[in-house]
Amino acid sequence: MKTAKEILIEELNEDMHPEKVEDVIFWALEYYVKHRRKGTWGEAIAYAIVERIKEAESLGDLSKQDKKKN
């Protein structure tokens, strides 16, 4: 039997859905953070992942803007 981690990685690698799997996972994590009882480990972990993704994307956007200026 496949574990959740293996299935998620497989889905990410196959990329065979009309929406990007990573986007759906991100949206699910955001929803979980907003609607889960505060102070739980699940909420804390989801929040940390969401914030890490947002930070990385904003840094990526800034580096793209720098390249356009040059």
PDB file of N, CA and C in Angstrom:
ATOM      1  N   MET A   1       0.844  -1.188   0.000  1.00  0.00           N
ATOM      2  CA  MET A   1       0.000   0.000   0.000  1.00  0.00           C
ATOM      3  C   MET A   1       0.880   1.239   0.000  1.00  0.00           C
ATOM      4  N   LYS A   2       0.535   2.206  -0.834  1.00  0.00           N
ATOM      5  CA  LYS A   2       1.319   3.433  -0.930  1.00  0.00           C
ATOM      6  C   LYS A   2       0.999   4.363   0.219  1.00  0.00           C
ATOM      7  N   THR A   3       2.010   5.070   0.666  1.00  0.00           N
ATOM      8  CA  THR A   3       1.780   6.060   1.715  1.00  0.00           C
ATOM      9  C   THR A   3       1.324   7.368   1.091  1.00  0.00           C
ATOM     10  N   ALA A   4       0.778   8.239   1.929  1.00  0.00           N
ATOM     11  CA  ALA A   4       0.312   9.539   1.441  1.00  0.00           C
ATOM     12  C   ALA A   4       1.460  10.301   0.784  1.00  0.00           C
ATOM     13  N   LYS A   5       2.629  10.245   1.388  1.00  0.00           N
ATOM     14  CA  LYS A   5       3.792  10.957   0.838  1.00  0.00           C
ATOM     15  C   LYS A   5       4.126  10.447  -0.570  1.00  0.00           C
ATOM     16  N   GLU A   6       4.141   9.130  -0.745  1.00  0.00           N
ATOM     17  CA  GLU A   6       4.451   8.563  -2.057  1.00  0.00           C
ATOM     18  C   GLU A   6       3.420   8.975  -3.100  1.00  0.00           C
ATOM     19  N   ILE A   7       2.154   8.957  -2.718  1.00  0.00           N
ATOM     20  CA  ILE A   7       1.090   9.329  -3.652  1.00  0.00           C
ATOM     21  C   ILE A   7       1.185  10.804  -4.020  1.00  0.00           C
ATOM     22  N   LEU A   8       1.427  11.663  -3.035  1.00  0.00           N
ATOM     23  CA  LEU A   8       1.560  13.091  -3.323  1.00  0.00           C
ATOM     24  C   LEU A   8       2.730  13.353  -4.267  1.00  0.00           C
ATOM     25  N   ILE A   9       3.856  12.715  -4.014  1.00  0.00           N
ATOM     26  CA  ILE A   9       5.028  12.896  -4.882  1.00  0.00           C
ATOM     27  C   ILE A   9       4.722  12.397  -6.293  1.00  0.00           C
ATOM     28  N   GLU A  10       4.062  11.259  -6.382  1.00  0.00           N
ATOM     29  CA  GLU A  10       3.681  10.707  -7.687  1.00  0.00           C
ATOM     30  C   GLU A  10       2.760  11.677  -8.436  1.00  0.00           C
ATOM     31  N   GLU A  11       1.754  12.199  -7.746  1.00  0.00           N
ATOM     32  CA  GLU A  11       0.832  13.147  -8.364  1.00  0.00           C
ATOM     33  C   GLU A  11       1.551  14.411  -8.823  1.00  0.00           C
ATOM     34  N   LEU A  12       2.471  14.893  -8.006  1.00  0.00           N
ATOM     35  CA  LEU A  12       3.240  16.085  -8.381  1.00  0.00           C
ATOM     36  C   LEU A  12       4.088  15.821  -9.626  1.00  0.00           C
ATOM     37  N   ASN A  13       4.708  14.659  -9.686  1.00  0.00           N
ATOM     38  CA  ASN A  13       5.566  14.314 -10.820  1.00  0.00           C
ATOM     39  C   ASN A  13       4.779  14.046 -12.097  1.00  0.00           C
ATOM     40  N   GLU A  14       3.612  13.411 -11.980  1.00  0.00           N
ATOM     41  CA  GLU A  14       2.817  13.086 -13.164  1.00  0.00           C
ATOM     42  C   GLU A  14       2.199  14.315 -13.803  1.00  0.00           C
ATOM     43  N   ASP A  15       1.754  15.263 -12.987  1.00  0.00           N
ATOM     44  CA  ASP A  15       1.191  16.522 -13.481  1.00  0.00           C
ATOM     45  C   ASP A  15       0.136  16.293 -14.569  1.00  0.00           C
ATOM     46  N   MET A  16      -0.864  15.463 -14.253  1.00  0.00           N
ATOM     47  CA  MET A  16      -1.868  15.093 -15.253  1.00  0.00           C
ATOM     48  C   MET A  16      -3.252  15.644 -14.951  1.00  0.00           C
ATOM     49  N   HIS A  17      -3.355  16.687 -14.155  1.00  0.00           N
ATOM     50  CA  HIS A  17      -4.651  17.238 -13.779  1.00  0.00           C
ATOM     51  C   HIS A  17      -4.839  18.622 -14.394  1.00  0.00           C
ATOM     52  N   PRO A  18      -6.085  19.072 -14.533  1.00  0.00           N
ATOM     53  CA  PRO A  18      -6.325  20.390 -15.115  1.00  0.00           C
ATOM     54  C   PRO A  18      -5.780  21.537 -14.254  1.00  0.00           C
ATOM     55  N   GLU A  19      -5.655  21.322 -12.958  1.00  0.00           N
ATOM     56  CA  GLU A  19      -5.029  22.296 -12.060  1.00  0.00           C
ATOM     57  C   GLU A  19      -3.693  21.725 -11.614  1.00  0.00           C
ATOM     58  N   LYS A  20      -2.738  22.591 -11.356  1.00  0.00           N
ATOM     59  CA  LYS A  20      -1.455  22.113 -10.843  1.00  0.00           C
ATOM     60  C   LYS A  20      -1.663  21.537  -9.450  1.00  0.00           C
ATOM     61  N   VAL A  21      -1.131  20.356  -9.222  1.00  0.00           N
ATOM     62  CA  VAL A  21      -1.294  19.675  -7.941  1.00  0.00           C
ATOM     63  C   VAL A  21      -0.708  20.517  -6.813  1.00  0.00           C
ATOM     64  N   GLU A  22       0.435  21.149  -7.062  1.00  0.00           N
ATOM     65  CA  GLU A  22       1.047  21.978  -6.008  1.00  0.00           C
ATOM     66  C   GLU A  22       0.148  23.151  -5.622  1.00  0.00           C
ATOM     67  N   ASP A  23      -0.596  23.694  -6.593  1.00  0.00           N
ATOM     68  CA  ASP A  23      -1.536  24.776  -6.282  1.00  0.00           C
ATOM     69  C   ASP A  23      -2.677  24.269  -5.405  1.00  0.00           C
ATOM     70  N   VAL A  24      -3.203  23.097  -5.744  1.00  0.00           N
ATOM     71  CA  VAL A  24      -4.310  22.529  -4.972  1.00  0.00           C
ATOM     72  C   VAL A  24      -3.863  22.232  -3.545  1.00  0.00           C
ATOM     73  N   ILE A  25      -2.662  21.692  -3.391  1.00  0.00           N
ATOM     74  CA  ILE A  25      -2.133  21.416  -2.047  1.00  0.00           C
ATOM     75  C   ILE A  25      -1.972  22.718  -1.274  1.00  0.00           C
ATOM     76  N   PHE A  26      -1.448  23.750  -1.925  1.00  0.00           N
ATOM     77  CA  PHE A  26      -1.272  25.049  -1.275  1.00  0.00           C
ATOM     78  C   PHE A  26      -2.619  25.622  -0.831  1.00  0.00           C
ATOM     79  N   TRP A  27      -3.616  25.567  -1.720  1.00  0.00           N
ATOM     80  CA  TRP A  27      -4.944  26.093  -1.375  1.00  0.00           C
ATOM     81  C   TRP A  27      -5.541  25.319  -0.197  1.00  0.00           C
ATOM     82  N   ALA A  28      -5.346  24.010  -0.194  1.00  0.00           N
ATOM     83  CA  ALA A  28      -5.862  23.187   0.903  1.00  0.00           C
ATOM     84  C   ALA A  28      -5.178  23.559   2.219  1.00  0.00           C
ATOM     85  N   LEU A  29      -3.883  23.783   2.182  1.00  0.00           N
ATOM     86  CA  LEU A  29      -3.165  24.187   3.385  1.00  0.00           C
ATOM     87  C   LEU A  29      -3.641  25.554   3.874  1.00  0.00           C
ATOM     88  N   GLU A  30      -3.823  26.490   2.945  1.00  0.00           N
ATOM     89  CA  GLU A  30      -4.326  27.816   3.324  1.00  0.00           C
ATOM     90  C   GLU A  30      -5.702  27.708   3.979  1.00  0.00           C
ATOM     91  N   TYR A  31      -6.570  26.908   3.384  1.00  0.00           N
ATOM     92  CA  TYR A  31      -7.914  26.722   3.932  1.00  0.00           C
ATOM     93  C   TYR A  31      -7.831  26.110   5.329  1.00  0.00           C
ATOM     94  N   TYR A  32      -6.983  25.137   5.488  1.00  0.00           N
ATOM     95  CA  TYR A  32      -6.807  24.456   6.771  1.00  0.00           C
ATOM     96  C   TYR A  32      -6.357  25.448   7.843  1.00  0.00           C
ATOM     97  N   VAL A  33      -5.410  26.312   7.495  1.00  0.00           N
ATOM     98  CA  VAL A  33      -4.915  27.309   8.447  1.00  0.00           C
ATOM     99  C   VAL A  33      -6.048  28.237   8.876  1.00  0.00           C
ATOM    100  N   LYS A  34      -6.879  28.643   7.932  1.00  0.00           N
ATOM    101  CA  LYS A  34      -7.944  29.607   8.226  1.00  0.00           C
ATOM    102  C   LYS A  34      -9.113  28.999   8.992  1.00  0.00           C
ATOM    103  N   HIS A  35      -9.352  27.697   8.852  1.00  0.00           N
ATOM    104  CA  HIS A  35     -10.553  27.092   9.415  1.00  0.00           C
ATOM    105  C   HIS A  35     -10.289  26.056  10.506  1.00  0.00           C
ATOM    106  N   ARG A  36      -9.063  25.823  10.827  1.00  0.00           N
ATOM    107  CA  ARG A  36      -8.718  24.828  11.851  1.00  0.00           C
ATOM    108  C   ARG A  36      -8.610  25.517  13.204  1.00  0.00           C
ATOM    109  N   ARG A  37      -8.893  24.768  14.238  1.00  0.00           N
ATOM    110  CA  ARG A  37      -8.763  25.308  15.591  1.00  0.00           C
ATOM    111  C   ARG A  37      -7.319  25.756  15.815  1.00  0.00           C
ATOM    112  N   LYS A  38      -7.163  26.987  16.223  1.00  0.00           N
ATOM    113  CA  LYS A  38      -5.836  27.569  16.430  1.00  0.00           C
ATOM    114  C   LYS A  38      -5.108  26.863  17.564  1.00  0.00           C
ATOM    115  N   GLY A  39      -3.789  26.808  17.436  1.00  0.00           N
ATOM    116  CA  GLY A  39      -2.975  26.246  18.494  1.00  0.00           C
ATOM    117  C   GLY A  39      -2.709  24.754  18.379  1.00  0.00           C
ATOM    118  N   THR A  40      -3.172  24.132  17.291  1.00  0.00           N
ATOM    119  CA  THR A  40      -2.900  22.708  17.102  1.00  0.00           C
ATOM    120  C   THR A  40      -1.609  22.539  16.301  1.00  0.00           C
ATOM    121  N   TRP A  41      -1.006  21.374  16.404  1.00  0.00           N
ATOM    122  CA  TRP A  41       0.204  21.111  15.620  1.00  0.00           C
ATOM    123  C   TRP A  41      -0.088  21.169  14.127  1.00  0.00           C
ATOM    124  N   GLY A  42      -1.221  20.629  13.720  1.00  0.00           N
ATOM    125  CA  GLY A  42      -1.572  20.654  12.300  1.00  0.00           C
ATOM    126  C   GLY A  42      -1.673  22.063  11.762  1.00  0.00           C
ATOM    127  N   GLU A  43      -2.313  22.939  12.522  1.00  0.00           N
ATOM    128  CA  GLU A  43      -2.449  24.334  12.108  1.00  0.00           C
ATOM    129  C   GLU A  43      -1.084  25.011  12.055  1.00  0.00           C
ATOM    130  N   ALA A  44      -0.231  24.737  13.034  1.00  0.00           N
ATOM    131  CA  ALA A  44       1.097  25.348  13.071  1.00  0.00           C
ATOM    132  C   ALA A  44       1.964  24.892  11.901  1.00  0.00           C
ATOM    133  N   ILE A  45       1.913  23.617  11.599  1.00  0.00           N
ATOM    134  CA  ILE A  45       2.709  23.077  10.488  1.00  0.00           C
ATOM    135  C   ILE A  45       2.192  23.608   9.159  1.00  0.00           C
ATOM    136  N   ALA A  46       0.874  23.600   8.966  1.00  0.00           N
ATOM    137  CA  ALA A  46       0.299  24.124   7.726  1.00  0.00           C
ATOM    138  C   ALA A  46       0.649  25.595   7.552  1.00  0.00           C
ATOM    139  N   TYR A  47       0.558  26.359   8.635  1.00  0.00           N
ATOM    140  CA  TYR A  47       0.885  27.785   8.587  1.00  0.00           C
ATOM    141  C   TYR A  47       2.353  27.974   8.184  1.00  0.00           C
ATOM    142  N   ALA A  48       3.246  27.206   8.785  1.00  0.00           N
ATOM    143  CA  ALA A  48       4.672  27.333   8.476  1.00  0.00           C
ATOM    144  C   ALA A  48       4.952  27.022   7.003  1.00  0.00           C
ATOM    145  N   ILE A  49       4.299  26.000   6.473  1.00  0.00           N
ATOM    146  CA  ILE A  49       4.496  25.640   5.063  1.00  0.00           C
ATOM    147  C   ILE A  49       3.963  26.732   4.153  1.00  0.00           C
ATOM    148  N   VAL A  50       2.770  27.231   4.438  1.00  0.00           N
ATOM    149  CA  VAL A  50       2.160  28.292   3.626  1.00  0.00           C
ATOM    150  C   VAL A  50       3.054  29.533   3.628  1.00  0.00           C
ATOM    151  N   GLU A  51       3.522  29.933   4.793  1.00  0.00           N
ATOM    152  CA  GLU A  51       4.370  31.123   4.876  1.00  0.00           C
ATOM    153  C   GLU A  51       5.694  30.922   4.149  1.00  0.00           C
ATOM    154  N   ARG A  52       6.251  29.736   4.259  1.00  0.00           N
ATOM    155  CA  ARG A  52       7.516  29.432   3.567  1.00  0.00           C
ATOM    156  C   ARG A  52       7.339  29.518   2.051  1.00  0.00           C
ATOM    157  N   ILE A  53       6.224  29.003   1.550  1.00  0.00           N
ATOM    158  CA  ILE A  53       5.940  29.061   0.112  1.00  0.00           C
ATOM    159  C   ILE A  53       5.746  30.509  -0.332  1.00  0.00           C
ATOM    160  N   LYS A  54       4.965  31.274   0.425  1.00  0.00           N
ATOM    161  CA  LYS A  54       4.729  32.681   0.072  1.00  0.00           C
ATOM    162  C   LYS A  54       6.035  33.460   0.041  1.00  0.00           C
ATOM    163  N   GLU A  55       6.887  33.233   1.031  1.00  0.00           N
ATOM    164  CA  GLU A  55       8.177  33.937   1.079  1.00  0.00           C
ATOM    165  C   GLU A  55       9.051  33.565  -0.113  1.00  0.00           C
ATOM    166  N   ALA A  56       9.125  32.286  -0.412  1.00  0.00           N
ATOM    167  CA  ALA A  56       9.943  31.828  -1.537  1.00  0.00           C
ATOM    168  C   ALA A  56       9.423  32.383  -2.857  1.00  0.00           C
ATOM    169  N   GLU A  57       8.100  32.414  -3.018  1.00  0.00           N
ATOM    170  CA  GLU A  57       7.527  32.952  -4.249  1.00  0.00           C
ATOM    171  C   GLU A  57       7.776  34.448  -4.370  1.00  0.00           C
ATOM    172  N   SER A  58       7.694  35.175  -3.261  1.00  0.00           N
ATOM    173  CA  SER A  58       7.942  36.618  -3.333  1.00  0.00           C
ATOM    174  C   SER A  58       9.405  36.895  -3.639  1.00  0.00           C
ATOM    175  N   LEU A  59      10.308  36.101  -3.105  1.00  0.00           N
ATOM    176  CA  LEU A  59      11.727  36.266  -3.426  1.00  0.00           C
ATOM    177  C   LEU A  59      11.988  35.909  -4.878  1.00  0.00           C
ATOM    178  N   GLY A  60      11.307  34.887  -5.372  1.00  0.00           N
ATOM    179  CA  GLY A  60      11.435  34.508  -6.777  1.00  0.00           C
ATOM    180  C   GLY A  60      10.931  35.600  -7.686  1.00  0.00           C
ATOM    181  N   ASP A  61       9.818  36.221  -7.332  1.00  0.00           N
ATOM    182  CA  ASP A  61       9.270  37.315  -8.126  1.00  0.00           C
ATOM    183  C   ASP A  61      10.236  38.491  -8.147  1.00  0.00           C
ATOM    184  N   LEU A  62      10.862  38.788  -7.022  1.00  0.00           N
ATOM    185  CA  LEU A  62      11.821  39.885  -6.964  1.00  0.00           C
ATOM    186  C   LEU A  62      13.029  39.603  -7.841  1.00  0.00           C
ATOM    187  N   SER A  63      13.527  38.354  -7.840  1.00  0.00           N
ATOM    188  CA  SER A  63      14.695  38.030  -8.655  1.00  0.00           C
ATOM    189  C   SER A  63      14.357  38.120 -10.140  1.00  0.00           C
ATOM    190  N   LYS A  64      13.111  37.778 -10.505  1.00  0.00           N
ATOM    191  CA  LYS A  64      12.688  37.904 -11.902  1.00  0.00           C
ATOM    192  C   LYS A  64      12.646  39.372 -12.320  1.00  0.00           C
ATOM    193  N   GLN A  65      12.176  40.254 -11.411  1.00  0.00           N
ATOM    194  CA  GLN A  65      12.106  41.670 -11.695  1.00  0.00           C
ATOM    195  C   GLN A  65      13.506  42.248 -11.872  1.00  0.00           C
ATOM    196  N   ASP A  66      14.452  41.803 -11.052  1.00  0.00           N
ATOM    197  CA  ASP A  66      15.837  42.263 -11.175  1.00  0.00           C
ATOM    198  C   ASP A  66      16.422  41.888 -12.533  1.00  0.00           C
ATOM    199  N   LYS A  67      16.113  40.687 -13.026  1.00  0.00           N
ATOM    200  CA  LYS A  67      16.627  40.239 -14.308  1.00  0.00           C
ATOM    201  C   LYS A  67      16.051  41.089 -15.440  1.00  0.00           C
ATOM    202  N   LYS A  68      14.777  41.494 -15.331  1.00  0.00           N
ATOM    203  CA  LYS A  68      14.152  42.311 -16.361  1.00  0.00           C
ATOM    204  C   LYS A  68      14.787  43.695 -16.437  1.00  0.00           C
ATOM    205  N   LYS A  69      15.236  44.220 -15.288  1.00  0.00           N
ATOM    206  CA  LYS A  69      15.854  45.546 -15.261  1.00  0.00           C
ATOM    207  C   LYS A  69      17.198  45.561 -15.959  1.00  0.00           C
ATOM    208  N   ASN A  70      17.908  44.421 -15.913  1.00  0.00           N
ATOM    209  CA  ASN A  70      19.263  44.370 -16.482  1.00  0.00           C
ATOM    210  C   ASN A  70      19.219  44.112 -17.923  1.00  0.00           C
TER     211      ASN A  70
END
